[in-house]
Amino acid sequence: MASFFSKLFGRSGGSATPAKVAEETEAYNDLTLVAAPMAEGGQYRLAGRIEKRDGERVLTRSFIRADLFSSRDDTVASTFRKAKQIADQHGASLFSDGVESRQV
């Protein structure tokens, strides 16, 4: 009975963090877009990275959004769209601070 109430109120004893799913990449201009959907309660959360090579270093800008999808393929397609939008809106300033990794 306690197990029922735990699940009902979100205390299932399982991991509170969403599980990562296999990543996919796509080239865009001089950037690498990485779709990294997160499995969450039978759905997928939009999450990804934008990477840029700077000599030997790889600069990374990560993002996670509130959007949930029932299909992994829809999540990946939306992640690539969002990554392109972020890259286009920020332009060169996205990596101008030289920080190796940060959230956007």
N, C-alpha and C. Protein backbone atom coordinates (compact mmCIF):
# COMPACT_ATOMS: atom_id res chain seq x y z
N MET A 1 0.83 -1.19 0.00
CA MET A 1 0.00 0.00 0.00
C MET A 1 0.87 1.26 0.00
N ALA A 2 1.94 1.25 0.78
CA ALA A 2 2.83 2.41 0.82
C ALA A 2 3.48 2.62 -0.54
N SER A 3 3.77 1.53 -1.24
CA SER A 3 4.36 1.63 -2.58
C SER A 3 3.41 2.35 -3.53
N PHE A 4 2.12 2.06 -3.42
CA PHE A 4 1.13 2.71 -4.26
C PHE A 4 1.14 4.22 -4.03
N PHE A 5 1.12 4.63 -2.74
CA PHE A 5 1.12 6.06 -2.43
C PHE A 5 2.43 6.73 -2.83
N SER A 6 3.53 6.02 -2.70
CA SER A 6 4.82 6.57 -3.11
C SER A 6 4.83 6.87 -4.60
N LYS A 7 4.33 5.94 -5.38
CA LYS A 7 4.28 6.15 -6.83
C LYS A 7 3.29 7.25 -7.19
N LEU A 8 2.17 7.29 -6.48
CA LEU A 8 1.14 8.28 -6.73
C LEU A 8 1.67 9.69 -6.49
N PHE A 9 2.46 9.87 -5.46
CA PHE A 9 2.97 11.18 -5.11
C PHE A 9 4.40 11.42 -5.56
N GLY A 10 4.90 10.61 -6.47
CA GLY A 10 6.19 10.86 -7.08
C GLY A 10 7.40 10.43 -6.28
N ARG A 11 7.23 9.57 -5.33
CA ARG A 11 8.36 9.09 -4.53
C ARG A 11 8.59 7.62 -4.79
N SER A 12 8.91 7.32 -6.01
CA SER A 12 8.99 5.92 -6.42
C SER A 12 10.30 5.25 -6.03
N GLY A 13 11.22 5.99 -5.47
CA GLY A 13 12.49 5.39 -5.09
C GLY A 13 13.44 5.27 -6.25
N GLY A 14 12.96 5.54 -7.45
CA GLY A 14 13.82 5.51 -8.63
C GLY A 14 14.63 6.78 -8.72
N SER A 15 15.46 6.84 -9.72
CA SER A 15 16.30 8.00 -9.91
C SER A 15 15.44 9.22 -10.23
N ALA A 16 15.76 10.35 -9.61
CA ALA A 16 15.01 11.59 -9.85
C ALA A 16 15.48 12.27 -11.13
N THR A 17 16.65 11.90 -11.62
CA THR A 17 17.15 12.52 -12.84
C THR A 17 16.77 11.68 -14.05
N PRO A 18 16.40 12.35 -15.15
CA PRO A 18 16.02 11.62 -16.36
C PRO A 18 17.19 10.83 -16.93
N ALA A 19 16.89 9.72 -17.57
CA ALA A 19 17.93 8.88 -18.17
C ALA A 19 18.29 9.43 -19.55
N LYS A 20 19.58 9.43 -19.86
CA LYS A 20 20.01 9.87 -21.18
C LYS A 20 19.80 8.76 -22.20
N VAL A 21 19.49 9.17 -23.42
CA VAL A 21 19.25 8.25 -24.52
C VAL A 21 20.39 8.46 -25.52
N ALA A 22 20.60 7.53 -26.43
CA ALA A 22 21.67 7.65 -27.42
C ALA A 22 21.63 9.00 -28.12
N GLU A 23 22.81 9.57 -28.34
CA GLU A 23 22.93 10.89 -28.96
C GLU A 23 23.08 10.79 -30.47
N GLU A 24 22.66 11.85 -31.15
CA GLU A 24 22.85 11.96 -32.59
C GLU A 24 23.49 13.30 -32.88
N THR A 25 24.30 13.37 -33.95
CA THR A 25 24.97 14.62 -34.29
C THR A 25 24.61 15.07 -35.70
N GLU A 26 24.78 16.37 -35.91
CA GLU A 26 24.52 16.97 -37.22
C GLU A 26 25.46 18.17 -37.37
N ALA A 27 26.05 18.32 -38.54
CA ALA A 27 26.92 19.47 -38.81
C ALA A 27 26.06 20.65 -39.22
N TYR A 28 26.44 21.84 -38.72
CA TYR A 28 25.73 23.08 -39.07
C TYR A 28 26.75 24.21 -39.08
N ASN A 29 26.98 24.77 -40.27
CA ASN A 29 28.05 25.76 -40.45
C ASN A 29 29.36 25.18 -39.92
N ASP A 30 30.04 25.84 -39.00
CA ASP A 30 31.29 25.30 -38.46
C ASP A 30 31.06 24.67 -37.08
N LEU A 31 29.81 24.31 -36.79
CA LEU A 31 29.43 23.77 -35.49
C LEU A 31 29.01 22.31 -35.61
N THR A 32 29.04 21.62 -34.49
CA THR A 32 28.48 20.28 -34.39
C THR A 32 27.31 20.36 -33.43
N LEU A 33 26.13 19.99 -33.91
CA LEU A 33 24.94 19.97 -33.07
C LEU A 33 24.75 18.55 -32.55
N VAL A 34 24.48 18.42 -31.28
CA VAL A 34 24.32 17.11 -30.66
C VAL A 34 22.93 17.04 -30.01
N ALA A 35 22.10 16.13 -30.48
CA ALA A 35 20.81 15.89 -29.87
C ALA A 35 20.99 14.80 -28.82
N ALA A 36 20.65 15.12 -27.58
CA ALA A 36 20.82 14.18 -26.47
C ALA A 36 19.51 14.08 -25.69
N PRO A 37 18.46 13.52 -26.31
CA PRO A 37 17.17 13.45 -25.62
C PRO A 37 17.28 12.69 -24.30
N MET A 38 16.45 13.10 -23.35
CA MET A 38 16.46 12.48 -22.03
C MET A 38 15.13 11.76 -21.80
N ALA A 39 15.19 10.46 -21.55
CA ALA A 39 13.98 9.68 -21.28
C ALA A 39 13.43 10.10 -19.92
N GLU A 40 12.13 10.37 -19.91
CA GLU A 40 11.52 10.84 -18.67
C GLU A 40 10.05 10.43 -18.64
N GLY A 41 9.73 9.46 -17.82
CA GLY A 41 8.35 9.05 -17.65
C GLY A 41 7.66 8.60 -18.92
N GLY A 42 8.33 7.84 -19.76
CA GLY A 42 7.72 7.35 -20.99
C GLY A 42 7.74 8.37 -22.12
N GLN A 43 8.34 9.53 -21.88
CA GLN A 43 8.48 10.56 -22.90
C GLN A 43 9.95 10.96 -23.00
N TYR A 44 10.23 11.92 -23.87
CA TYR A 44 11.60 12.39 -24.08
C TYR A 44 11.65 13.90 -23.92
N ARG A 45 12.61 14.37 -23.13
CA ARG A 45 12.82 15.81 -22.93
C ARG A 45 13.85 16.31 -23.94
N LEU A 46 13.57 17.49 -24.49
CA LEU A 46 14.47 18.11 -25.47
C LEU A 46 15.75 18.56 -24.75
N ALA A 47 16.89 18.04 -25.19
CA ALA A 47 18.18 18.39 -24.61
C ALA A 47 19.26 18.20 -25.66
N GLY A 48 20.28 19.05 -25.61
CA GLY A 48 21.35 18.91 -26.59
C GLY A 48 22.53 19.81 -26.29
N ARG A 49 23.46 19.83 -27.23
CA ARG A 49 24.68 20.64 -27.12
C ARG A 49 25.01 21.23 -28.48
N ILE A 50 25.71 22.35 -28.42
CA ILE A 50 26.30 22.95 -29.61
C ILE A 50 27.80 22.98 -29.34
N GLU A 51 28.57 22.38 -30.23
CA GLU A 51 30.02 22.29 -30.03
C GLU A 51 30.77 23.00 -31.15
N LYS A 52 31.89 23.60 -30.76
CA LYS A 52 32.75 24.27 -31.74
C LYS A 52 34.20 23.96 -31.40
N ARG A 53 34.94 23.58 -32.42
CA ARG A 53 36.38 23.32 -32.23
C ARG A 53 37.12 24.63 -32.23
N ASP A 54 37.99 24.80 -31.25
CA ASP A 54 38.83 25.99 -31.13
C ASP A 54 40.25 25.49 -30.93
N GLY A 55 40.91 25.19 -32.06
CA GLY A 55 42.23 24.57 -31.98
C GLY A 55 42.12 23.17 -31.43
N GLU A 56 42.76 22.92 -30.31
CA GLU A 56 42.71 21.61 -29.66
C GLU A 56 41.50 21.46 -28.74
N ARG A 57 40.90 22.58 -28.37
CA ARG A 57 39.76 22.55 -27.43
C ARG A 57 38.43 22.41 -28.18
N VAL A 58 37.45 21.88 -27.47
CA VAL A 58 36.08 21.85 -27.98
C VAL A 58 35.24 22.67 -27.00
N LEU A 59 34.66 23.75 -27.51
CA LEU A 59 33.80 24.60 -26.69
C LEU A 59 32.38 24.05 -26.79
N THR A 60 31.71 23.95 -25.65
CA THR A 60 30.39 23.32 -25.60
C THR A 60 29.37 24.25 -24.95
N ARG A 61 28.22 24.36 -25.59
CA ARG A 61 27.08 25.10 -25.03
C ARG A 61 25.92 24.12 -24.94
N SER A 62 25.50 23.81 -23.73
CA SER A 62 24.45 22.82 -23.48
C SER A 62 23.11 23.51 -23.25
N PHE A 63 22.04 22.80 -23.57
CA PHE A 63 20.71 23.33 -23.29
C PHE A 63 19.75 22.19 -23.00
N ILE A 64 18.82 22.46 -22.10
CA ILE A 64 17.72 21.55 -21.77
C ILE A 64 16.47 22.41 -21.76
N ARG A 65 15.43 21.95 -22.40
CA ARG A 65 14.18 22.70 -22.46
C ARG A 65 13.05 21.89 -21.82
N ALA A 66 11.96 22.55 -21.53
CA ALA A 66 10.82 21.93 -20.86
C ALA A 66 10.01 21.04 -21.79
N ASP A 67 10.24 21.14 -23.09
CA ASP A 67 9.45 20.41 -24.07
C ASP A 67 9.58 18.90 -23.89
N LEU A 68 8.45 18.20 -23.87
CA LEU A 68 8.41 16.74 -23.81
C LEU A 68 7.73 16.21 -25.06
N PHE A 69 8.25 15.09 -25.59
CA PHE A 69 7.72 14.47 -26.79
C PHE A 69 7.49 12.99 -26.53
N SER A 70 6.52 12.42 -27.21
CA SER A 70 6.26 10.99 -27.04
C SER A 70 7.16 10.16 -27.95
N SER A 71 7.70 10.79 -29.00
CA SER A 71 8.55 10.09 -29.96
C SER A 71 10.00 10.58 -29.86
N ARG A 72 10.93 9.65 -29.81
CA ARG A 72 12.34 10.00 -29.78
C ARG A 72 12.74 10.74 -31.05
N ASP A 73 12.24 10.29 -32.21
CA ASP A 73 12.57 10.93 -33.48
C ASP A 73 12.09 12.38 -33.52
N ASP A 74 10.90 12.65 -32.99
CA ASP A 74 10.40 14.03 -32.93
C ASP A 74 11.27 14.88 -32.02
N THR A 75 11.74 14.29 -30.93
CA THR A 75 12.60 15.01 -29.99
C THR A 75 13.92 15.38 -30.65
N VAL A 76 14.51 14.44 -31.38
CA VAL A 76 15.78 14.69 -32.06
C VAL A 76 15.61 15.80 -33.10
N ALA A 77 14.56 15.74 -33.90
CA ALA A 77 14.32 16.76 -34.93
C ALA A 77 14.11 18.13 -34.29
N SER A 78 13.37 18.19 -33.21
CA SER A 78 13.13 19.46 -32.53
C SER A 78 14.39 19.99 -31.86
N THR A 79 15.23 19.09 -31.37
CA THR A 79 16.49 19.50 -30.76
C THR A 79 17.40 20.15 -31.79
N PHE A 80 17.49 19.56 -32.98
CA PHE A 80 18.31 20.16 -34.03
C PHE A 80 17.76 21.52 -34.44
N ARG A 81 16.44 21.65 -34.53
CA ARG A 81 15.82 22.95 -34.86
C ARG A 81 16.16 23.99 -33.80
N LYS A 82 16.04 23.61 -32.52
CA LYS A 82 16.33 24.52 -31.42
C LYS A 82 17.81 24.90 -31.40
N ALA A 83 18.70 23.95 -31.64
CA ALA A 83 20.14 24.24 -31.66
C ALA A 83 20.48 25.22 -32.78
N LYS A 84 19.88 25.04 -33.95
CA LYS A 84 20.10 25.98 -35.06
C LYS A 84 19.59 27.36 -34.71
N GLN A 85 18.43 27.41 -34.07
CA GLN A 85 17.86 28.69 -33.66
C GLN A 85 18.78 29.41 -32.67
N ILE A 86 19.28 28.68 -31.69
CA ILE A 86 20.20 29.26 -30.70
C ILE A 86 21.46 29.77 -31.39
N ALA A 87 22.04 28.97 -32.28
CA ALA A 87 23.26 29.36 -32.98
C ALA A 87 23.02 30.60 -33.85
N ASP A 88 21.90 30.64 -34.54
CA ASP A 88 21.59 31.79 -35.40
C ASP A 88 21.32 33.05 -34.59
N GLN A 89 20.61 32.94 -33.48
CA GLN A 89 20.28 34.10 -32.66
C GLN A 89 21.49 34.69 -31.96
N HIS A 90 22.38 33.84 -31.47
CA HIS A 90 23.55 34.31 -30.73
C HIS A 90 24.72 34.66 -31.64
N GLY A 91 24.80 34.00 -32.77
CA GLY A 91 25.90 34.26 -33.69
C GLY A 91 27.25 33.99 -33.06
N ALA A 92 28.21 34.83 -33.38
CA ALA A 92 29.59 34.65 -32.89
C ALA A 92 29.69 34.81 -31.38
N SER A 93 28.76 35.54 -30.77
CA SER A 93 28.83 35.77 -29.32
C SER A 93 28.58 34.50 -28.51
N LEU A 94 28.06 33.46 -29.14
CA LEU A 94 27.78 32.21 -28.43
C LEU A 94 29.06 31.63 -27.83
N PHE A 95 30.17 31.79 -28.53
CA PHE A 95 31.45 31.23 -28.06
C PHE A 95 32.50 32.31 -27.78
N SER A 96 32.14 33.57 -27.85
CA SER A 96 33.12 34.66 -27.74
C SER A 96 33.74 34.78 -26.35
N ASP A 97 33.10 34.24 -25.31
CA ASP A 97 33.66 34.33 -23.97
C ASP A 97 34.81 33.35 -23.74
N GLY A 98 34.97 32.37 -24.62
CA GLY A 98 36.07 31.42 -24.53
C GLY A 98 35.93 30.37 -23.44
N VAL A 99 34.82 30.39 -22.71
CA VAL A 99 34.58 29.40 -21.66
C VAL A 99 34.36 28.05 -22.33
N GLU A 100 34.98 27.00 -21.77
CA GLU A 100 34.90 25.68 -22.39
C GLU A 100 33.49 25.11 -22.41
N SER A 101 32.73 25.29 -21.33
CA SER A 101 31.41 24.69 -21.26
C SER A 101 30.49 25.56 -20.41
N ARG A 102 29.26 25.76 -20.91
CA ARG A 102 28.25 26.48 -20.13
C ARG A 102 26.86 26.19 -20.71
N GLN A 103 25.84 26.54 -19.92
CA GLN A 103 24.45 26.36 -20.34
C GLN A 103 23.99 27.59 -21.12
N VAL A 104 23.10 27.37 -22.08
CA VAL A 104 22.47 28.49 -22.80
C VAL A 104 20.97 28.32 -22.78
